[in-house]
Amino acid sequence: MAEKIDIKKLQKKATKALKEASRRLEGAGKDARVLVKRGEDELIKLSKVGRAQLEILALSLKKEQLYRQIGMKVWQLSTGGKLTTKKLKIFCEELSSINKNVKSKKKSINKVLKTR
């Protein structure tokens, strides 16, 4: 008879433990859902920020291209004698010097490549 009482007590303890585990799992599930939601929100934020940064980069590249086009046009007008100012002349002289150096370096590269 003592064994029946022990089995019933054991059964009650097991049932109680299972209910407690179930309650804790439900709580953990709720916590997990909250964390997943926060993670989704963070991913959305990061995605929006990343997209904006890419758009800024694209705009910056576009701006650089426009600067380059403006510079090329100024260079063409300046060397053609259609645009003359003292400040532009200084830049144009510097650009001419750089172009000469580049040309010289290319010649030296070609010489090195031909000697092989």
PDB file of N, CA and C in Angstrom:
ATOM      1  N   MET A   1       0.822  -1.188   0.000  1.00  0.00           N
ATOM      2  CA  MET A   1       0.000   0.000   0.000  1.00  0.00           C
ATOM      3  C   MET A   1       0.867   1.254   0.000  1.00  0.00           C
ATOM      4  N   ALA A   2       1.986   1.164   0.662  1.00  0.00           N
ATOM      5  CA  ALA A   2       2.898   2.301   0.717  1.00  0.00           C
ATOM      6  C   ALA A   2       3.406   2.628  -0.679  1.00  0.00           C
ATOM      7  N   GLU A   3       3.525   1.598  -1.513  1.00  0.00           N
ATOM      8  CA  GLU A   3       3.990   1.831  -2.873  1.00  0.00           C
ATOM      9  C   GLU A   3       2.972   2.628  -3.665  1.00  0.00           C
ATOM     10  N   LYS A   4       1.678   2.387  -3.472  1.00  0.00           N
ATOM     11  CA  LYS A   4       0.639   3.129  -4.186  1.00  0.00           C
ATOM     12  C   LYS A   4       0.683   4.596  -3.811  1.00  0.00           C
ATOM     13  N   ILE A   5       0.884   4.884  -2.565  1.00  0.00           N
ATOM     14  CA  ILE A   5       0.953   6.273  -2.107  1.00  0.00           C
ATOM     15  C   ILE A   5       2.162   6.955  -2.729  1.00  0.00           C
ATOM     16  N   ASP A   6       3.263   6.289  -2.760  1.00  0.00           N
ATOM     17  CA  ASP A   6       4.469   6.863  -3.351  1.00  0.00           C
ATOM     18  C   ASP A   6       4.275   7.117  -4.844  1.00  0.00           C
ATOM     19  N   ILE A   7       3.618   6.199  -5.524  1.00  0.00           N
ATOM     20  CA  ILE A   7       3.376   6.366  -6.955  1.00  0.00           C
ATOM     21  C   ILE A   7       2.448   7.549  -7.187  1.00  0.00           C
ATOM     22  N   LYS A   8       1.421   7.691  -6.369  1.00  0.00           N
ATOM     23  CA  LYS A   8       0.499   8.822  -6.524  1.00  0.00           C
ATOM     24  C   LYS A   8       1.216  10.135  -6.247  1.00  0.00           C
ATOM     25  N   LYS A   9       2.050  10.135  -5.214  1.00  0.00           N
ATOM     26  CA  LYS A   9       2.812  11.351  -4.908  1.00  0.00           C
ATOM     27  C   LYS A   9       3.765  11.676  -6.055  1.00  0.00           C
ATOM     28  N   LEU A  10       4.399  10.630  -6.554  1.00  0.00           N
ATOM     29  CA  LEU A  10       5.329  10.812  -7.660  1.00  0.00           C
ATOM     30  C   LEU A  10       4.597  11.328  -8.901  1.00  0.00           C
ATOM     31  N   GLN A  11       3.397  10.781  -9.136  1.00  0.00           N
ATOM     32  CA  GLN A  11       2.594  11.212 -10.275  1.00  0.00           C
ATOM     33  C   GLN A  11       2.188  12.680 -10.116  1.00  0.00           C
ATOM     34  N   LYS A  12       1.806  13.077  -8.906  1.00  0.00           N
ATOM     35  CA  LYS A  12       1.434  14.474  -8.649  1.00  0.00           C
ATOM     36  C   LYS A  12       2.635  15.395  -8.851  1.00  0.00           C
ATOM     37  N   LYS A  13       3.804  14.962  -8.349  1.00  0.00           N
ATOM     38  CA  LYS A  13       5.013  15.772  -8.509  1.00  0.00           C
ATOM     39  C   LYS A  13       5.374  15.916  -9.989  1.00  0.00           C
ATOM     40  N   ALA A  14       5.258  14.812 -10.717  1.00  0.00           N
ATOM     41  CA  ALA A  14       5.579  14.841 -12.144  1.00  0.00           C
ATOM     42  C   ALA A  14       4.613  15.757 -12.888  1.00  0.00           C
ATOM     43  N   THR A  15       3.338  15.670 -12.561  1.00  0.00           N
ATOM     44  CA  THR A  15       2.337  16.527 -13.196  1.00  0.00           C
ATOM     45  C   THR A  15       2.620  17.989 -12.891  1.00  0.00           C
ATOM     46  N   LYS A  16       2.934  18.253 -11.631  1.00  0.00           N
ATOM     47  CA  LYS A  16       3.243  19.624 -11.221  1.00  0.00           C
ATOM     48  C   LYS A  16       4.492  20.130 -11.952  1.00  0.00           C
ATOM     49  N   ALA A  17       5.514  19.277 -12.043  1.00  0.00           N
ATOM     50  CA  ALA A  17       6.755  19.658 -12.719  1.00  0.00           C
ATOM     51  C   ALA A  17       6.503  19.908 -14.206  1.00  0.00           C
ATOM     52  N   LEU A  18       5.671  19.076 -14.824  1.00  0.00           N
ATOM     53  CA  LEU A  18       5.348  19.261 -16.238  1.00  0.00           C
ATOM     54  C   LEU A  18       4.583  20.565 -16.467  1.00  0.00           C
ATOM     55  N   LYS A  19       3.648  20.865 -15.566  1.00  0.00           N
ATOM     56  CA  LYS A  19       2.901  22.123 -15.686  1.00  0.00           C
ATOM     57  C   LYS A  19       3.839  23.316 -15.545  1.00  0.00           C
ATOM     58  N   GLU A  20       4.758  23.227 -14.580  1.00  0.00           N
ATOM     59  CA  GLU A  20       5.727  24.315 -14.366  1.00  0.00           C
ATOM     60  C   GLU A  20       6.640  24.465 -15.589  1.00  0.00           C
ATOM     61  N   ALA A  21       7.088  23.331 -16.117  1.00  0.00           N
ATOM     62  CA  ALA A  21       7.939  23.374 -17.308  1.00  0.00           C
ATOM     63  C   ALA A  21       7.174  23.966 -18.489  1.00  0.00           C
ATOM     64  N   SER A  22       5.917  23.578 -18.616  1.00  0.00           N
ATOM     65  CA  SER A  22       5.079  24.103 -19.695  1.00  0.00           C
ATOM     66  C   SER A  22       4.912  25.612 -19.561  1.00  0.00           C
ATOM     67  N   ARG A  23       4.672  26.070 -18.327  1.00  0.00           N
ATOM     68  CA  ARG A  23       4.514  27.504 -18.077  1.00  0.00           C
ATOM     69  C   ARG A  23       5.804  28.249 -18.422  1.00  0.00           C
ATOM     70  N   ARG A  24       6.929  27.668 -18.019  1.00  0.00           N
ATOM     71  CA  ARG A  24       8.221  28.309 -18.306  1.00  0.00           C
ATOM     72  C   ARG A  24       8.516  28.328 -19.810  1.00  0.00           C
ATOM     73  N   LEU A  25       8.167  27.245 -20.489  1.00  0.00           N
ATOM     74  CA  LEU A  25       8.370  27.197 -21.938  1.00  0.00           C
ATOM     75  C   LEU A  25       7.509  28.242 -22.644  1.00  0.00           C
ATOM     76  N   GLU A  26       6.283  28.412 -22.166  1.00  0.00           N
ATOM     77  CA  GLU A  26       5.426  29.448 -22.745  1.00  0.00           C
ATOM     78  C   GLU A  26       6.062  30.822 -22.549  1.00  0.00           C
ATOM     79  N   GLY A  27       6.592  31.050 -21.348  1.00  0.00           N
ATOM     80  CA  GLY A  27       7.270  32.322 -21.073  1.00  0.00           C
ATOM     81  C   GLY A  27       8.487  32.502 -21.957  1.00  0.00           C
ATOM     82  N   ALA A  28       9.248  31.418 -22.120  1.00  0.00           N
ATOM     83  CA  ALA A  28      10.430  31.482 -22.980  1.00  0.00           C
ATOM     84  C   ALA A  28      10.019  31.733 -24.427  1.00  0.00           C
ATOM     85  N   GLY A  29       8.920  31.130 -24.834  1.00  0.00           N
ATOM     86  CA  GLY A  29       8.409  31.349 -26.189  1.00  0.00           C
ATOM     87  C   GLY A  29       8.019  32.802 -26.401  1.00  0.00           C
ATOM     88  N   LYS A  30       7.366  33.385 -25.404  1.00  0.00           N
ATOM     89  CA  LYS A  30       6.990  34.801 -25.497  1.00  0.00           C
ATOM     90  C   LYS A  30       8.237  35.673 -25.565  1.00  0.00           C
ATOM     91  N   ASP A  31       9.218  35.354 -24.721  1.00  0.00           N
ATOM     92  CA  ASP A  31      10.478  36.109 -24.741  1.00  0.00           C
ATOM     93  C   ASP A  31      11.163  35.978 -26.104  1.00  0.00           C
ATOM     94  N   ALA A  32      11.143  34.771 -26.651  1.00  0.00           N
ATOM     95  CA  ALA A  32      11.767  34.543 -27.954  1.00  0.00           C
ATOM     96  C   ALA A  32      11.058  35.355 -29.035  1.00  0.00           C
ATOM     97  N   ARG A  33       9.723  35.407 -28.975  1.00  0.00           N
ATOM     98  CA  ARG A  33       8.972  36.200 -29.958  1.00  0.00           C
ATOM     99  C   ARG A  33       9.330  37.672 -29.857  1.00  0.00           C
ATOM    100  N   VAL A  34       9.474  38.163 -28.616  1.00  0.00           N
ATOM    101  CA  VAL A  34       9.848  39.565 -28.409  1.00  0.00           C
ATOM    102  C   VAL A  34      11.234  39.820 -28.997  1.00  0.00           C
ATOM    103  N   LEU A  35      12.173  38.907 -28.733  1.00  0.00           N
ATOM    104  CA  LEU A  35      13.530  39.065 -29.263  1.00  0.00           C
ATOM    105  C   LEU A  35      13.549  39.011 -30.789  1.00  0.00           C
ATOM    106  N   VAL A  36      12.775  38.105 -31.357  1.00  0.00           N
ATOM    107  CA  VAL A  36      12.706  38.006 -32.815  1.00  0.00           C
ATOM    108  C   VAL A  36      12.134  39.293 -33.397  1.00  0.00           C
ATOM    109  N   LYS A  37      11.098  39.820 -32.767  1.00  0.00           N
ATOM    110  CA  LYS A  37      10.490  41.073 -33.233  1.00  0.00           C
ATOM    111  C   LYS A  37      11.501  42.210 -33.162  1.00  0.00           C
ATOM    112  N   ARG A  38      12.244  42.282 -32.057  1.00  0.00           N
ATOM    113  CA  ARG A  38      13.276  43.313 -31.928  1.00  0.00           C
ATOM    114  C   ARG A  38      14.333  43.147 -33.013  1.00  0.00           C
ATOM    115  N   GLY A  39      14.721  41.893 -33.254  1.00  0.00           N
ATOM    116  CA  GLY A  39      15.706  41.612 -34.297  1.00  0.00           C
ATOM    117  C   GLY A  39      15.200  42.042 -35.668  1.00  0.00           C
ATOM    118  N   GLU A  40      13.930  41.750 -35.944  1.00  0.00           N
ATOM    119  CA  GLU A  40      13.338  42.171 -37.215  1.00  0.00           C
ATOM    120  C   GLU A  40      13.351  43.691 -37.327  1.00  0.00           C
ATOM    121  N   ASP A  41      12.977  44.361 -36.248  1.00  0.00           N
ATOM    122  CA  ASP A  41      12.972  45.824 -36.249  1.00  0.00           C
ATOM    123  C   ASP A  41      14.371  46.375 -36.504  1.00  0.00           C
ATOM    124  N   GLU A  42      15.379  45.761 -35.872  1.00  0.00           N
ATOM    125  CA  GLU A  42      16.757  46.206 -36.072  1.00  0.00           C
ATOM    126  C   GLU A  42      17.197  45.966 -37.516  1.00  0.00           C
ATOM    127  N   LEU A  43      16.818  44.812 -38.073  1.00  0.00           N
ATOM    128  CA  LEU A  43      17.163  44.526 -39.464  1.00  0.00           C
ATOM    129  C   LEU A  43      16.515  45.532 -40.410  1.00  0.00           C
ATOM    130  N   ILE A  44      15.285  45.890 -40.133  1.00  0.00           N
ATOM    131  CA  ILE A  44      14.596  46.884 -40.957  1.00  0.00           C
ATOM    132  C   ILE A  44      15.321  48.216 -40.878  1.00  0.00           C
ATOM    133  N   LYS A  45      15.696  48.603 -39.643  1.00  0.00           N
ATOM    134  CA  LYS A  45      16.434  49.862 -39.471  1.00  0.00           C
ATOM    135  C   LYS A  45      17.749  49.823 -40.239  1.00  0.00           C
ATOM    136  N   LEU A  46      18.507  48.726 -40.056  1.00  0.00           N
ATOM    137  CA  LEU A  46      19.799  48.596 -40.733  1.00  0.00           C
ATOM    138  C   LEU A  46      19.635  48.604 -42.251  1.00  0.00           C
ATOM    139  N   SER A  47      18.577  47.970 -42.721  1.00  0.00           N
ATOM    140  CA  SER A  47      18.312  47.944 -44.152  1.00  0.00           C
ATOM    141  C   SER A  47      18.047  49.350 -44.679  1.00  0.00           C
ATOM    142  N   LYS A  48      17.237  50.106 -43.953  1.00  0.00           N
ATOM    143  CA  LYS A  48      16.934  51.480 -44.367  1.00  0.00           C
ATOM    144  C   LYS A  48      18.184  52.347 -44.340  1.00  0.00           C
ATOM    145  N   VAL A  49      18.982  52.188 -43.285  1.00  0.00           N
ATOM    146  CA  VAL A  49      20.223  52.968 -43.174  1.00  0.00           C
ATOM    147  C   VAL A  49      21.180  52.584 -44.303  1.00  0.00           C
ATOM    148  N   GLY A  50      21.320  51.285 -44.552  1.00  0.00           N
ATOM    149  CA  GLY A  50      22.204  50.815 -45.617  1.00  0.00           C
ATOM    150  C   GLY A  50      21.773  51.332 -46.979  1.00  0.00           C
ATOM    151  N   ARG A  51      20.477  51.296 -47.226  1.00  0.00           N
ATOM    152  CA  ARG A  51      19.963  51.799 -48.504  1.00  0.00           C
ATOM    153  C   ARG A  51      20.260  53.290 -48.647  1.00  0.00           C
ATOM    154  N   ALA A  52      20.025  54.047 -47.577  1.00  0.00           N
ATOM    155  CA  ALA A  52      20.296  55.489 -47.615  1.00  0.00           C
ATOM    156  C   ALA A  52      21.784  55.752 -47.846  1.00  0.00           C
ATOM    157  N   GLN A  53      22.641  54.957 -47.197  1.00  0.00           N
ATOM    158  CA  GLN A  53      24.081  55.140 -47.381  1.00  0.00           C
ATOM    159  C   GLN A  53      24.497  54.829 -48.818  1.00  0.00           C
ATOM    160  N   LEU A  54      23.908  53.796 -49.409  1.00  0.00           N
ATOM    161  CA  LEU A  54      24.206  53.485 -50.806  1.00  0.00           C
ATOM    162  C   LEU A  54      23.737  54.606 -51.727  1.00  0.00           C
ATOM    163  N   GLU A  55      22.561  55.165 -51.428  1.00  0.00           N
ATOM    164  CA  GLU A  55      22.060  56.273 -52.231  1.00  0.00           C
ATOM    165  C   GLU A  55      22.976  57.489 -52.100  1.00  0.00           C
ATOM    166  N   ILE A  56      23.460  57.738 -50.883  1.00  0.00           N
ATOM    167  CA  ILE A  56      24.395  58.851 -50.667  1.00  0.00           C
ATOM    168  C   ILE A  56      25.673  58.613 -51.463  1.00  0.00           C
ATOM    169  N   LEU A  57      26.167  57.377 -51.433  1.00  0.00           N
ATOM    170  CA  LEU A  57      27.376  57.038 -52.187  1.00  0.00           C
ATOM    171  C   LEU A  57      27.159  57.256 -53.683  1.00  0.00           C
ATOM    172  N   ALA A  58      26.003  56.816 -54.188  1.00  0.00           N
ATOM    173  CA  ALA A  58      25.699  57.001 -55.608  1.00  0.00           C
ATOM    174  C   ALA A  58      25.626  58.486 -55.953  1.00  0.00           C
ATOM    175  N   LEU A  59      25.007  59.268 -55.078  1.00  0.00           N
ATOM    176  CA  LEU A  59      24.927  60.709 -55.319  1.00  0.00           C
ATOM    177  C   LEU A  59      26.307  61.351 -55.266  1.00  0.00           C
ATOM    178  N   SER A  60      27.133  60.888 -54.343  1.00  0.00           N
ATOM    179  CA  SER A  60      28.495  61.425 -54.248  1.00  0.00           C
ATOM    180  C   SER A  60      29.287  61.119 -55.519  1.00  0.00           C
ATOM    181  N   LEU A  61      29.119  59.897 -56.037  1.00  0.00           N
ATOM    182  CA  LEU A  61      29.797  59.540 -57.285  1.00  0.00           C
ATOM    183  C   LEU A  61      29.301  60.404 -58.442  1.00  0.00           C
ATOM    184  N   LYS A  62      27.995  60.632 -58.450  1.00  0.00           N
ATOM    185  CA  LYS A  62      27.422  61.483 -59.487  1.00  0.00           C
ATOM    186  C   LYS A  62      27.993  62.898 -59.390  1.00  0.00           C
ATOM    187  N   LYS A  63      28.122  63.374 -58.160  1.00  0.00           N
ATOM    188  CA  LYS A  63      28.682  64.703 -57.930  1.00  0.00           C
ATOM    189  C   LYS A  63      30.130  64.761 -58.412  1.00  0.00           C
ATOM    190  N   GLU A  64      30.902  63.727 -58.100  1.00  0.00           N
ATOM    191  CA  GLU A  64      32.294  63.676 -58.539  1.00  0.00           C
ATOM    192  C   GLU A  64      32.381  63.681 -60.067  1.00  0.00           C
ATOM    193  N   GLN A  65      31.467  62.958 -60.710  1.00  0.00           N
ATOM    194  CA  GLN A  65      31.455  62.941 -62.171  1.00  0.00           C
ATOM    195  C   GLN A  65      31.151  64.334 -62.722  1.00  0.00           C
ATOM    196  N   LEU A  66      30.212  65.025 -62.074  1.00  0.00           N
ATOM    197  CA  LEU A  66      29.898  66.385 -62.514  1.00  0.00           C
ATOM    198  C   LEU A  66      31.091  67.311 -62.322  1.00  0.00           C
ATOM    199  N   TYR A  67      31.766  67.190 -61.184  1.00  0.00           N
ATOM    200  CA  TYR A  67      32.975  67.990 -60.961  1.00  0.00           C
ATOM    201  C   TYR A  67      34.000  67.717 -62.063  1.00  0.00           C
ATOM    202  N   ARG A  68      34.139  66.457 -62.401  1.00  0.00           N
ATOM    203  CA  ARG A  68      35.104  66.075 -63.436  1.00  0.00           C
ATOM    204  C   ARG A  68      34.710  66.686 -64.776  1.00  0.00           C
ATOM    205  N   GLN A  69      33.418  66.599 -65.100  1.00  0.00           N
ATOM    206  CA  GLN A  69      32.955  67.171 -66.364  1.00  0.00           C
ATOM    207  C   GLN A  69      33.155  68.683 -66.393  1.00  0.00           C
ATOM    208  N   ILE A  70      32.862  69.337 -65.277  1.00  0.00           N
ATOM    209  CA  ILE A  70      33.074  70.785 -65.182  1.00  0.00           C
ATOM    210  C   ILE A  70      34.552  71.096 -65.382  1.00  0.00           C
ATOM    211  N   GLY A  71      35.388  70.327 -64.698  1.00  0.00           N
ATOM    212  CA  GLY A  71      36.830  70.529 -64.815  1.00  0.00           C
ATOM    213  C   GLY A  71      37.323  70.340 -66.237  1.00  0.00           C
ATOM    214  N   MET A  72      36.822  69.301 -66.900  1.00  0.00           N
ATOM    215  CA  MET A  72      37.229  69.047 -68.284  1.00  0.00           C
ATOM    216  C   MET A  72      36.788  70.193 -69.190  1.00  0.00           C
ATOM    217  N   LYS A  73      35.580  70.670 -68.972  1.00  0.00           N
ATOM    218  CA  LYS A  73      35.073  71.772 -69.794  1.00  0.00           C
ATOM    219  C   LYS A  73      35.896  73.038 -69.561  1.00  0.00           C
ATOM    220  N   VAL A  74      36.190  73.325 -68.304  1.00  0.00           N
ATOM    221  CA  VAL A  74      37.012  74.493 -67.980  1.00  0.00           C
ATOM    222  C   VAL A  74      38.388  74.344 -68.619  1.00  0.00           C
ATOM    223  N   TRP A  75      38.944  73.146 -68.544  1.00  0.00           N
ATOM    224  CA  TRP A  75      40.254  72.878 -69.141  1.00  0.00           C
ATOM    225  C   TRP A  75      40.212  73.144 -70.648  1.00  0.00           C
ATOM    226  N   GLN A  76      39.175  72.631 -71.300  1.00  0.00           N
ATOM    227  CA  GLN A  76      39.049  72.827 -72.747  1.00  0.00           C
ATOM    228  C   GLN A  76      38.920  74.311 -73.100  1.00  0.00           C
ATOM    229  N   LEU A  77      38.053  75.008 -72.364  1.00  0.00           N
ATOM    230  CA  LEU A  77      37.857  76.437 -72.635  1.00  0.00           C
ATOM    231  C   LEU A  77      39.128  77.226 -72.347  1.00  0.00           C
ATOM    232  N   SER A  78      39.795  76.860 -71.271  1.00  0.00           N
ATOM    233  CA  SER A  78      40.991  77.584 -70.858  1.00  0.00           C
ATOM    234  C   SER A  78      42.136  77.382 -71.842  1.00  0.00           C
ATOM    235  N   THR A  79      42.331  76.145 -72.285  1.00  0.00           N
ATOM    236  CA  THR A  79      43.418  75.888 -73.233  1.00  0.00           C
ATOM    237  C   THR A  79      43.087  76.423 -74.611  1.00  0.00           C
ATOM    238  N   GLY A  80      41.815  76.601 -74.887  1.00  0.00           N
ATOM    239  CA  GLY A  80      41.402  77.175 -76.171  1.00  0.00           C
ATOM    240  C   GLY A  80      41.420  78.695 -76.152  1.00  0.00           C
ATOM    241  N   GLY A  81      41.776  79.258 -75.008  1.00  0.00           N
ATOM    242  CA  GLY A  81      41.847  80.707 -74.885  1.00  0.00           C
ATOM    243  C   GLY A  81      40.497  81.375 -74.689  1.00  0.00           C
ATOM    244  N   LYS A  82      39.454  80.592 -74.468  1.00  0.00           N
ATOM    245  CA  LYS A  82      38.110  81.148 -74.309  1.00  0.00           C
ATOM    246  C   LYS A  82      37.776  81.479 -72.863  1.00  0.00           C
ATOM    247  N   LEU A  83      38.588  81.004 -71.944  1.00  0.00           N
ATOM    248  CA  LEU A  83      38.348  81.250 -70.527  1.00  0.00           C
ATOM    249  C   LEU A  83      39.695  81.513 -69.878  1.00  0.00           C
ATOM    250  N   THR A  84      39.873  82.728 -69.406  1.00  0.00           N
ATOM    251  CA  THR A  84      41.169  83.050 -68.809  1.00  0.00           C
ATOM    252  C   THR A  84      40.982  83.810 -67.511  1.00  0.00           C
ATOM    253  N   THR A  85      41.546  83.267 -66.490  1.00  0.00           N
ATOM    254  CA  THR A  85      41.672  83.961 -65.212  1.00  0.00           C
ATOM    255  C   THR A  85      42.990  83.518 -64.608  1.00  0.00           C
ATOM    256  N   LYS A  86      43.497  84.322 -63.732  1.00  0.00           N
ATOM    257  CA  LYS A  86      44.797  84.021 -63.129  1.00  0.00           C
ATOM    258  C   LYS A  86      44.758  82.704 -62.344  1.00  0.00           C
ATOM    259  N   LYS A  87      43.697  82.518 -61.559  1.00  0.00           N
ATOM    260  CA  LYS A  87      43.600  81.297 -60.747  1.00  0.00           C
ATOM    261  C   LYS A  87      43.471  80.060 -61.625  1.00  0.00           C
ATOM    262  N   LEU A  88      42.653  80.160 -62.671  1.00  0.00           N
ATOM    263  CA  LEU A  88      42.510  79.013 -63.564  1.00  0.00           C
ATOM    264  C   LEU A  88      43.817  78.714 -64.277  1.00  0.00           C
ATOM    265  N   LYS A  89      44.546  79.745 -64.629  1.00  0.00           N
ATOM    266  CA  LYS A  89      45.818  79.558 -65.328  1.00  0.00           C
ATOM    267  C   LYS A  89      46.785  78.752 -64.469  1.00  0.00           C
ATOM    268  N   ILE A  90      46.817  79.041 -63.163  1.00  0.00           N
ATOM    269  CA  ILE A  90      47.688  78.300 -62.244  1.00  0.00           C
ATOM    270  C   ILE A  90      47.303  76.820 -62.231  1.00  0.00           C
ATOM    271  N   PHE A  91      45.996  76.551 -62.147  1.00  0.00           N
ATOM    272  CA  PHE A  91      45.539  75.159 -62.143  1.00  0.00           C
ATOM    273  C   PHE A  91      45.873  74.478 -63.471  1.00  0.00           C
ATOM    274  N   CYS A  92      45.678  75.194 -64.554  1.00  0.00           N
ATOM    275  CA  CYS A  92      45.964  74.621 -65.871  1.00  0.00           C
ATOM    276  C   CYS A  92      47.450  74.322 -66.036  1.00  0.00           C
ATOM    277  N   GLU A  93      48.300  75.194 -65.537  1.00  0.00           N
ATOM    278  CA  GLU A  93      49.743  74.945 -65.601  1.00  0.00           C
ATOM    279  C   GLU A  93      50.111  73.712 -64.783  1.00  0.00           C
ATOM    280  N   GLU A  94      49.499  73.603 -63.608  1.00  0.00           N
ATOM    281  CA  GLU A  94      49.763  72.428 -62.763  1.00  0.00           C
ATOM    282  C   GLU A  94      49.287  71.158 -63.456  1.00  0.00           C
ATOM    283  N   LEU A  95      48.125  71.248 -64.083  1.00  0.00           N
ATOM    284  CA  LEU A  95      47.596  70.092 -64.802  1.00  0.00           C
ATOM    285  C   LEU A  95      48.500  69.719 -65.975  1.00  0.00           C
ATOM    286  N   SER A  96      49.004  70.707 -66.671  1.00  0.00           N
ATOM    287  CA  SER A  96      49.933  70.439 -67.780  1.00  0.00           C
ATOM    288  C   SER A  96      51.189  69.749 -67.274  1.00  0.00           C
ATOM    289  N   SER A  97      51.699  70.208 -66.145  1.00  0.00           N
ATOM    290  CA  SER A  97      52.884  69.593 -65.547  1.00  0.00           C
ATOM    291  C   SER A  97      52.609  68.139 -65.171  1.00  0.00           C
ATOM    292  N   ILE A  98      51.455  67.903 -64.584  1.00  0.00           N
ATOM    293  CA  ILE A  98      51.080  66.527 -64.208  1.00  0.00           C
ATOM    294  C   ILE A  98      50.970  65.665 -65.458  1.00  0.00           C
ATOM    295  N   ASN A  99      50.346  66.202 -66.499  1.00  0.00           N
ATOM    296  CA  ASN A  99      50.209  65.442 -67.750  1.00  0.00           C
ATOM    297  C   ASN A  99      51.573  65.083 -68.323  1.00  0.00           C
ATOM    298  N   LYS A 100      52.522  66.011 -68.265  1.00  0.00           N
ATOM    299  CA  LYS A 100      53.877  65.735 -68.759  1.00  0.00           C
ATOM    300  C   LYS A 100      54.533  64.632 -67.940  1.00  0.00           C
ATOM    301  N   ASN A 101      54.365  64.697 -66.612  1.00  0.00           N
ATOM    302  CA  ASN A 101      54.939  63.658 -65.742  1.00  0.00           C
ATOM    303  C   ASN A 101      54.334  62.294 -66.037  1.00  0.00           C
ATOM    304  N   VAL A 102      53.022  62.262 -66.238  1.00  0.00           N
ATOM    305  CA  VAL A 102      52.350  60.996 -66.540  1.00  0.00           C
ATOM    306  C   VAL A 102      52.884  60.435 -67.855  1.00  0.00           C
ATOM    307  N   LYS A 103      53.011  61.301 -68.842  1.00  0.00           N
ATOM    308  CA  LYS A 103      53.528  60.879 -70.142  1.00  0.00           C
ATOM    309  C   LYS A 103      54.938  60.311 -70.002  1.00  0.00           C
ATOM    310  N   SER A 104      55.768  60.984 -69.219  1.00  0.00           N
ATOM    311  CA  SER A 104      57.137  60.533 -68.981  1.00  0.00           C
ATOM    312  C   SER A 104      57.150  59.173 -68.285  1.00  0.00           C
ATOM    313  N   LYS A 105      56.297  59.015 -67.280  1.00  0.00           N
ATOM    314  CA  LYS A 105      56.234  57.737 -66.548  1.00  0.00           C
ATOM    315  C   LYS A 105      55.781  56.611 -67.471  1.00  0.00           C
ATOM    316  N   LYS A 106      54.818  56.902 -68.344  1.00  0.00           N
ATOM    317  CA  LYS A 106      54.343  55.881 -69.277  1.00  0.00           C
ATOM    318  C   LYS A 106      55.463  55.457 -70.221  1.00  0.00           C
ATOM    319  N   LYS A 107      56.264  56.422 -70.669  1.00  0.00           N
ATOM    320  CA  LYS A 107      57.396  56.091 -71.537  1.00  0.00           C
ATOM    321  C   LYS A 107      58.391  55.200 -70.810  1.00  0.00           C
ATOM    322  N   SER A 108      58.666  55.528 -69.537  1.00  0.00           N
ATOM    323  CA  SER A 108      59.619  54.704 -68.779  1.00  0.00           C
ATOM    324  C   SER A 108      59.058  53.303 -68.538  1.00  0.00           C
ATOM    325  N   ILE A 109      57.757  53.198 -68.346  1.00  0.00           N
ATOM    326  CA  ILE A 109      57.134  51.873 -68.187  1.00  0.00           C
ATOM    327  C   ILE A 109      57.293  51.080 -69.479  1.00  0.00           C
ATOM    328  N   ASN A 110      57.029  51.731 -70.598  1.00  0.00           N
ATOM    329  CA  ASN A 110      57.170  51.051 -71.894  1.00  0.00           C
ATOM    330  C   ASN A 110      58.600  50.589 -72.122  1.00  0.00           C
ATOM    331  N   LYS A 111      59.576  51.406 -71.737  1.00  0.00           N
ATOM    332  CA  LYS A 111      60.985  51.017 -71.878  1.00  0.00           C
ATOM    333  C   LYS A 111      61.282  49.778 -71.049  1.00  0.00           C
ATOM    334  N   VAL A 112      60.790  49.770 -69.814  1.00  0.00           N
ATOM    335  CA  VAL A 112      61.017  48.620 -68.929  1.00  0.00           C
ATOM    336  C   VAL A 112      60.366  47.375 -69.513  1.00  0.00           C
ATOM    337  N   LEU A 113      59.165  47.518 -70.023  1.00  0.00           N
ATOM    338  CA  LEU A 113      58.469  46.364 -70.587  1.00  0.00           C
ATOM    339  C   LEU A 113      59.157  45.842 -71.844  1.00  0.00           C
ATOM    340  N   LYS A 114      59.737  46.727 -72.628  1.00  0.00           N
ATOM    341  CA  LYS A 114      60.417  46.315 -73.862  1.00  0.00           C
ATOM    342  C   LYS A 114      61.733  45.602 -73.584  1.00  0.00           C
ATOM    343  N   THR A 115      62.382  45.922 -72.469  1.00  0.00           N
ATOM    344  CA  THR A 115      63.681  45.314 -72.160  1.00  0.00           C
ATOM    345  C   THR A 115      63.549  43.882 -71.678  1.00  0.00           C
ATOM    346  N   ARG A 116      62.436  43.434 -71.341  1.00  0.00           N
ATOM    347  CA  ARG A 116      62.265  42.060 -70.835  1.00  0.00           C
ATOM    348  C   ARG A 116      62.348  41.065 -71.896  1.00  0.00           C
TER     349      ARG A 116
END
